Amino acid sequence: MRRMILTSSLLLALSASAMASQVYKWVDAQGVTHFGAQPPQGQQATTINTAAPPAKTAEPVATPTFEDIADPEQAAIDEKVKQQIATQEAERKKYCETVRTNLSQLENNPRVRMEVDGEVRRLNEEERQQRISEAKQAIGKNCK
């Protein structure tokens, strides 16, 4: 029994390679490429390996995103969170722009006036330097 299985397996393996015949490729005088089982006489032909399958080109496979898999309720929640993050980012950018403008004014103008408790007064140098350091810290902490 064992011999019969071994013999039939060997014959099956050999039959596949026996069926694969040689294929020739050549180009005629008009520049047309031909393929055939027999090489043409008087022309040079190259053999083609038919044992290996042709390589497949890598096509991008569309992977489903989380939004494709999630239920509509979850998608609505995700959209709401994205909008909140976008709003926070816009507010942060506006804040950073304001702080940078204030820092520029403080650094470039030694006579800065501010309204404090409904009264407009000029900042002294110590207060101005303190505001400059506070602005730099705010920029370092909150702005990229």
Protein backbone atom coordinates (compact mmCIF):
# COMPACT_ATOMS: atom_id res chain seq x y z
CA MET A 1 0.00 0.00 0.00
CA ARG A 2 2.77 2.33 0.94
CA ARG A 3 4.61 1.62 -2.32
CA MET A 4 1.54 2.29 -4.36
CA ILE A 5 1.02 5.70 -2.72
CA LEU A 6 4.68 6.59 -3.21
CA THR A 7 4.61 5.47 -6.86
CA SER A 8 1.41 7.34 -7.66
CA SER A 9 2.73 10.50 -5.96
CA LEU A 10 5.92 10.32 -7.99
CA LEU A 11 4.01 9.83 -11.26
CA LEU A 12 1.71 12.71 -10.45
CA ALA A 13 4.65 15.02 -9.75
CA LEU A 14 6.44 14.01 -12.95
CA SER A 15 3.35 14.33 -15.11
CA ALA A 16 3.01 18.05 -14.38
CA SER A 17 6.58 18.74 -15.48
CA ALA A 18 6.18 16.51 -18.55
CA MET A 19 3.16 18.49 -19.67
CA ALA A 20 5.04 21.75 -19.46
CA SER A 21 6.73 22.09 -22.81
CA GLN A 22 9.33 24.55 -23.91
CA VAL A 23 8.07 27.89 -25.26
CA TYR A 24 10.13 29.99 -27.66
CA LYS A 25 9.95 33.72 -28.29
CA TRP A 26 11.22 35.52 -31.39
CA VAL A 27 10.75 38.75 -33.32
CA ASP A 28 10.17 38.62 -37.08
CA ALA A 29 11.46 41.06 -39.72
CA GLN A 30 8.45 43.38 -39.27
CA GLY A 31 9.16 43.69 -35.52
CA VAL A 32 6.25 41.51 -34.41
CA THR A 33 6.90 39.29 -31.38
CA HIS A 34 5.86 35.64 -31.73
CA PHE A 35 5.59 32.75 -29.28
CA GLY A 36 5.63 29.10 -30.24
CA ALA A 37 6.39 25.53 -29.22
CA GLN A 38 8.99 25.17 -32.00
CA PRO A 39 11.74 27.69 -32.74
CA PRO A 40 11.68 29.14 -36.25
CA GLN A 41 14.38 28.05 -38.64
CA GLY A 42 16.98 30.65 -39.48
CA GLN A 43 16.04 32.99 -36.66
CA GLN A 44 17.29 33.38 -33.16
CA ALA A 45 14.73 32.53 -30.49
CA THR A 46 14.87 32.74 -26.72
CA THR A 47 13.32 30.18 -24.41
CA ILE A 48 10.76 31.27 -21.84
CA ASN A 49 10.52 29.68 -18.43
CA THR A 50 6.93 28.48 -18.05
CA ALA A 51 7.44 26.71 -14.74
CA ALA A 52 7.15 29.86 -12.64
CA PRO A 53 3.95 31.87 -12.74
CA PRO A 54 4.29 35.50 -13.80
CA ALA A 55 4.82 37.93 -10.98
CA LYS A 56 1.70 39.76 -9.97
CA THR A 57 1.81 43.51 -9.73
CA ALA A 58 1.19 44.82 -6.27
CA GLU A 59 -2.20 46.45 -6.32
CA PRO A 60 -3.09 48.50 -3.29
CA VAL A 61 -5.66 46.72 -1.21
CA ALA A 62 -8.27 49.01 0.27
CA THR A 63 -8.24 48.41 3.98
CA PRO A 64 -11.44 49.32 5.73
CA THR A 65 -11.10 52.30 8.01
CA PHE A 66 -12.61 52.60 11.42
CA GLU A 67 -15.37 54.78 10.03
CA ASP A 68 -16.33 52.03 7.55
CA ILE A 69 -16.67 49.45 10.30
CA ALA A 70 -18.18 51.60 13.07
CA ASP A 71 -21.87 52.14 13.53
CA PRO A 72 -23.49 55.47 12.61
CA GLU A 73 -23.75 56.52 16.25
CA GLN A 74 -20.01 56.10 16.75
CA ALA A 75 -19.32 57.93 13.50
CA ALA A 76 -21.39 60.89 14.73
CA ILE A 77 -19.47 60.95 18.01
CA ASP A 78 -16.16 60.81 16.14
CA GLU A 79 -17.20 63.69 13.89
CA LYS A 80 -18.23 65.77 16.94
CA VAL A 81 -14.86 65.13 18.61
CA LYS A 82 -13.01 66.07 15.42
CA GLN A 83 -14.94 69.35 15.25
CA GLN A 84 -14.15 70.10 18.90
CA ILE A 85 -10.46 69.46 18.32
CA ALA A 86 -10.48 71.67 15.23
CA THR A 87 -12.19 74.47 17.20
CA GLN A 88 -9.69 74.16 20.05
CA GLU A 89 -6.79 74.23 17.58
CA ALA A 90 -8.16 77.39 15.92
CA GLU A 91 -8.54 79.06 19.33
CA ARG A 92 -5.00 78.05 20.29
CA LYS A 93 -3.59 79.50 17.06
CA LYS A 94 -5.48 82.75 17.63
CA TYR A 95 -4.20 82.90 21.21
CA CYS A 96 -0.61 82.28 20.07
CA GLU A 97 -0.87 85.00 17.45
CA THR A 98 -2.15 87.47 20.05
CA VAL A 99 0.57 86.57 22.57
CA ARG A 100 3.29 86.89 19.92
CA THR A 101 1.95 90.28 18.87
CA ASN A 102 1.88 91.43 22.50
CA LEU A 103 5.43 90.16 23.04
CA SER A 104 6.60 92.05 19.98
CA GLN A 105 4.96 95.25 21.26
CA LEU A 106 6.50 94.80 24.71
CA GLU A 107 9.99 94.16 23.34
CA ASN A 108 9.97 96.94 20.75
CA ASN A 109 8.21 99.69 22.69
CA PRO A 110 9.63 100.84 26.06
CA ARG A 111 6.59 103.06 26.71
CA VAL A 112 3.73 100.61 27.00
CA ARG A 113 0.44 101.84 28.42
CA MET A 114 -2.15 99.47 29.82
CA GLU A 115 -5.58 99.87 31.29
CA VAL A 116 -5.58 98.53 34.83
CA ASP A 117 -8.74 98.81 36.96
CA GLY A 118 -10.30 101.28 34.53
CA GLU A 119 -7.23 103.53 34.67
CA VAL A 120 -4.73 103.91 31.84
CA ARG A 121 -1.14 104.02 33.07
CA ARG A 122 2.31 103.39 31.72
CA LEU A 123 4.15 100.22 32.73
CA ASN A 124 7.49 100.72 34.43
CA GLU A 125 10.53 98.77 33.22
CA GLU A 126 10.19 96.06 35.87
CA GLU A 127 6.52 95.42 34.98
CA ARG A 128 7.38 95.44 31.27
CA GLN A 129 10.16 92.85 31.75
CA GLN A 130 7.80 90.73 33.85
CA ARG A 131 5.16 90.81 31.10
CA ILE A 132 7.82 89.92 28.50
CA SER A 133 8.89 86.86 30.51
CA GLU A 134 5.23 85.84 31.03
CA ALA A 135 4.58 86.13 27.29
CA LYS A 136 7.66 84.04 26.47
CA GLN A 137 6.58 81.37 28.94
CA ALA A 138 3.06 81.31 27.48
CA ILE A 139 4.47 80.94 23.97
CA GLY A 140 6.84 78.16 25.05
CA LYS A 141 4.07 76.32 26.88
CA ASN A 142 1.14 76.71 24.46
CA CYS A 143 2.53 77.48 21.02
CA LYS A 144 4.50 75.24 18.70
